[in-house]
Amino acid sequence: MNYEYIIPLVPPTNNKYIGNGSKDKNFQYQTEKKHWAGYVNLFCNPKPPFPIARAKVTLHYHFKDKRRRDPDNYSGKFILDGLVRAGILQDDSFAVIDLELKADVDMNKQGYTVIEVGQIR
């Protein structure tokens, strides 16, 4: 079965937290991670009856402007961890998921993220 979810936000770039080991940044990172786990749990419905053991996950970011962005800064860490925590994925390791990242610009809307999860047999 395939699932498609829309979260009406784009997660923060990895650059916001990487390379800054201050306790304050670590606290902010953990807080943001919890928020994104909540967003995934709230917006990702319906959930599969059991966590998916093998999946193709596509994260399709829709940015609100044409600024240059690097894919490696939008690895999906917060979203993937949220999918595991919400019981949608069994794990977010390479053994479980094939990950694809996409991006488009939709200047008529606030940024949002489309998550596609397809079971691999």
C-alpha atoms as a PDB file:
ATOM      1  CA  MET A   1       0.000   0.000   0.000  1.00  0.00           C
ATOM      2  CA  ASN A   2       1.104   3.580  -0.651  1.00  0.00           C
ATOM      3  CA  TYR A   3       0.587   6.560   1.623  1.00  0.00           C
ATOM      4  CA  GLU A   4       0.837  10.269   0.833  1.00  0.00           C
ATOM      5  CA  TYR A   5       0.967  12.888   3.530  1.00  0.00           C
ATOM      6  CA  ILE A   6       1.222  16.684   3.457  1.00  0.00           C
ATOM      7  CA  ILE A   7       2.785  18.716   6.232  1.00  0.00           C
ATOM      8  CA  PRO A   8       2.115  22.456   5.810  1.00  0.00           C
ATOM      9  CA  LEU A   9       5.709  23.329   6.728  1.00  0.00           C
ATOM     10  CA  VAL A  10       9.242  22.731   5.482  1.00  0.00           C
ATOM     11  CA  PRO A  11      11.689  21.480   8.121  1.00  0.00           C
ATOM     12  CA  PRO A  12      14.678  23.631   9.029  1.00  0.00           C
ATOM     13  CA  THR A  13      17.911  23.161   7.146  1.00  0.00           C
ATOM     14  CA  ASN A  14      20.562  20.943   8.754  1.00  0.00           C
ATOM     15  CA  ASN A  15      22.864  23.977   8.734  1.00  0.00           C
ATOM     16  CA  LYS A  16      20.769  25.490  11.497  1.00  0.00           C
ATOM     17  CA  TYR A  17      22.154  22.967  13.998  1.00  0.00           C
ATOM     18  CA  ILE A  18      25.250  21.255  12.530  1.00  0.00           C
ATOM     19  CA  GLY A  19      28.649  22.470  13.645  1.00  0.00           C
ATOM     20  CA  ASN A  20      27.455  24.339  16.697  1.00  0.00           C
ATOM     21  CA  GLY A  21      28.015  22.256  19.810  1.00  0.00           C
ATOM     22  CA  SER A  22      26.661  24.779  22.281  1.00  0.00           C
ATOM     23  CA  LYS A  23      24.228  23.459  24.884  1.00  0.00           C
ATOM     24  CA  ASP A  24      21.677  26.033  23.764  1.00  0.00           C
ATOM     25  CA  LYS A  25      21.790  24.782  20.143  1.00  0.00           C
ATOM     26  CA  ASN A  26      21.531  21.173  21.352  1.00  0.00           C
ATOM     27  CA  PHE A  27      18.439  22.077  23.378  1.00  0.00           C
ATOM     28  CA  GLN A  28      16.941  23.885  20.362  1.00  0.00           C
ATOM     29  CA  TYR A  29      17.692  20.863  18.140  1.00  0.00           C
ATOM     30  CA  GLN A  30      15.996  18.438  20.550  1.00  0.00           C
ATOM     31  CA  THR A  31      13.002  20.760  20.875  1.00  0.00           C
ATOM     32  CA  GLU A  32      12.679  21.071  17.070  1.00  0.00           C
ATOM     33  CA  LYS A  33      12.982  17.294  16.698  1.00  0.00           C
ATOM     34  CA  LYS A  34      10.092  16.806  19.160  1.00  0.00           C
ATOM     35  CA  HIS A  35       7.990  19.380  17.308  1.00  0.00           C
ATOM     36  CA  TRP A  36       8.542  17.565  14.006  1.00  0.00           C
ATOM     37  CA  ALA A  37       7.664  14.215  15.581  1.00  0.00           C
ATOM     38  CA  GLY A  38       4.393  15.861  16.621  1.00  0.00           C
ATOM     39  CA  TYR A  39       3.773  17.318  13.149  1.00  0.00           C
ATOM     40  CA  VAL A  40       4.336  13.916  11.547  1.00  0.00           C
ATOM     41  CA  ASN A  41       2.016  12.246  14.037  1.00  0.00           C
ATOM     42  CA  LEU A  42      -0.656  14.910  13.478  1.00  0.00           C
ATOM     43  CA  PHE A  43      -0.562  15.224   9.689  1.00  0.00           C
ATOM     44  CA  CYS A  44       0.422  11.706   8.619  1.00  0.00           C
ATOM     45  CA  ASN A  45      -2.907   9.910   8.619  1.00  0.00           C
ATOM     46  CA  PRO A  46      -4.059   7.292   8.006  1.00  0.00           C
ATOM     47  CA  LYS A  47      -1.233   5.254   9.414  1.00  0.00           C
ATOM     48  CA  PRO A  48      -0.581   1.673   8.296  1.00  0.00           C
ATOM     49  CA  PRO A  49      -1.894  -1.036  10.644  1.00  0.00           C
ATOM     50  CA  PHE A  50       1.711  -2.101  11.355  1.00  0.00           C
ATOM     51  CA  PRO A  51       5.001  -0.256  10.849  1.00  0.00           C
ATOM     52  CA  ILE A  52       6.285  -0.807   7.311  1.00  0.00           C
ATOM     53  CA  ALA A  53       9.324  -3.099   7.281  1.00  0.00           C
ATOM     54  CA  ARG A  54      10.663  -2.031   3.854  1.00  0.00           C
ATOM     55  CA  ALA A  55       9.665   1.232   2.155  1.00  0.00           C
ATOM     56  CA  LYS A  56      10.465   3.762  -0.524  1.00  0.00           C
ATOM     57  CA  VAL A  57      10.179   7.213   1.041  1.00  0.00           C
ATOM     58  CA  THR A  58      10.041  10.337  -1.091  1.00  0.00           C
ATOM     59  CA  LEU A  59      10.321  13.730   0.571  1.00  0.00           C
ATOM     60  CA  HIS A  60       9.108  16.432  -1.805  1.00  0.00           C
ATOM     61  CA  TYR A  61       9.813  19.900  -0.488  1.00  0.00           C
ATOM     62  CA  HIS A  62       7.814  22.811  -1.891  1.00  0.00           C
ATOM     63  CA  PHE A  63       9.671  26.014  -1.083  1.00  0.00           C
ATOM     64  CA  LYS A  64       8.015  29.431  -1.115  1.00  0.00           C
ATOM     65  CA  ASP A  65      10.889  31.132  -2.933  1.00  0.00           C
ATOM     66  CA  LYS A  66      13.680  30.436  -5.424  1.00  0.00           C
ATOM     67  CA  ARG A  67      16.627  30.690  -3.037  1.00  0.00           C
ATOM     68  CA  ARG A  68      19.397  28.189  -3.722  1.00  0.00           C
ATOM     69  CA  ARG A  69      19.202  25.142  -1.436  1.00  0.00           C
ATOM     70  CA  ASP A  70      21.402  22.060  -1.219  1.00  0.00           C
ATOM     71  CA  PRO A  71      19.706  18.638  -0.975  1.00  0.00           C
ATOM     72  CA  ASP A  72      22.122  17.440   1.708  1.00  0.00           C
ATOM     73  CA  ASN A  73      20.817  20.169   4.015  1.00  0.00           C
ATOM     74  CA  TYR A  74      17.303  18.715   3.713  1.00  0.00           C
ATOM     75  CA  SER A  75      18.133  15.073   4.443  1.00  0.00           C
ATOM     76  CA  GLY A  76      14.809  14.475   6.156  1.00  0.00           C
ATOM     77  CA  LYS A  77      16.190  13.651   9.609  1.00  0.00           C
ATOM     78  CA  PHE A  78      13.287  15.132  11.554  1.00  0.00           C
ATOM     79  CA  ILE A  79      10.677  13.653   9.214  1.00  0.00           C
ATOM     80  CA  LEU A  80      12.183  10.153   9.097  1.00  0.00           C
ATOM     81  CA  ASP A  81      12.556  10.022  12.873  1.00  0.00           C
ATOM     82  CA  GLY A  82       8.933  11.180  13.149  1.00  0.00           C
ATOM     83  CA  LEU A  83       7.742   8.455  10.762  1.00  0.00           C
ATOM     84  CA  VAL A  84       9.403   5.840  12.960  1.00  0.00           C
ATOM     85  CA  ARG A  85       8.054   7.377  16.172  1.00  0.00           C
ATOM     86  CA  ALA A  86       4.523   7.534  14.683  1.00  0.00           C
ATOM     87  CA  GLY A  87       4.635   3.824  13.839  1.00  0.00           C
ATOM     88  CA  ILE A  88       4.615   4.331  10.064  1.00  0.00           C
ATOM     89  CA  LEU A  89       8.115   2.954   9.455  1.00  0.00           C
ATOM     90  CA  GLN A  90       9.762   0.126  11.349  1.00  0.00           C
ATOM     91  CA  ASP A  91      13.131   1.903  11.215  1.00  0.00           C
ATOM     92  CA  ASP A  92      14.825   4.648   9.195  1.00  0.00           C
ATOM     93  CA  SER A  93      18.030   2.763   8.381  1.00  0.00           C
ATOM     94  CA  PHE A  94      19.344   1.933   4.895  1.00  0.00           C
ATOM     95  CA  ALA A  95      18.124  -1.644   5.448  1.00  0.00           C
ATOM     96  CA  VAL A  96      14.536  -0.400   5.680  1.00  0.00           C
ATOM     97  CA  ILE A  97      14.168   2.642   3.435  1.00  0.00           C
ATOM     98  CA  ASP A  98      15.096   3.828  -0.016  1.00  0.00           C
ATOM     99  CA  LEU A  99      15.070   7.611   0.266  1.00  0.00           C
ATOM    100  CA  GLU A 100      14.425  10.096  -2.524  1.00  0.00           C
ATOM    101  CA  LEU A 101      14.558  13.884  -2.154  1.00  0.00           C
ATOM    102  CA  LYS A 102      12.763  16.298  -4.487  1.00  0.00           C
ATOM    103  CA  ALA A 103      12.194  20.041  -4.452  1.00  0.00           C
ATOM    104  CA  ASP A 104      10.026  22.562  -6.259  1.00  0.00           C
ATOM    105  CA  VAL A 105       9.070  26.177  -5.792  1.00  0.00           C
ATOM    106  CA  ASP A 106       5.474  27.192  -5.163  1.00  0.00           C
ATOM    107  CA  MET A 107       5.578  30.951  -4.646  1.00  0.00           C
ATOM    108  CA  ASN A 108       1.784  31.116  -4.318  1.00  0.00           C
ATOM    109  CA  LYS A 109       1.831  29.210  -1.039  1.00  0.00           C
ATOM    110  CA  GLN A 110       3.690  28.960   2.214  1.00  0.00           C
ATOM    111  CA  GLY A 111       6.300  26.186   2.029  1.00  0.00           C
ATOM    112  CA  TYR A 112       5.083  22.636   2.605  1.00  0.00           C
ATOM    113  CA  THR A 113       6.335  19.063   2.441  1.00  0.00           C
ATOM    114  CA  VAL A 114       4.770  16.071   0.696  1.00  0.00           C
ATOM    115  CA  ILE A 115       5.781  12.688   2.086  1.00  0.00           C
ATOM    116  CA  GLU A 116       5.208   9.565   0.004  1.00  0.00           C
ATOM    117  CA  VAL A 117       5.678   6.179   1.651  1.00  0.00           C
ATOM    118  CA  GLY A 118       5.361   3.071  -0.487  1.00  0.00           C
ATOM    119  CA  GLN A 119       5.788  -0.437   0.798  1.00  0.00           C
ATOM    120  CA  ILE A 120       8.471  -2.507  -0.941  1.00  0.00           C
ATOM    121  CA  ARG A 121       7.789  -6.230  -1.008  1.00  0.00           C
END
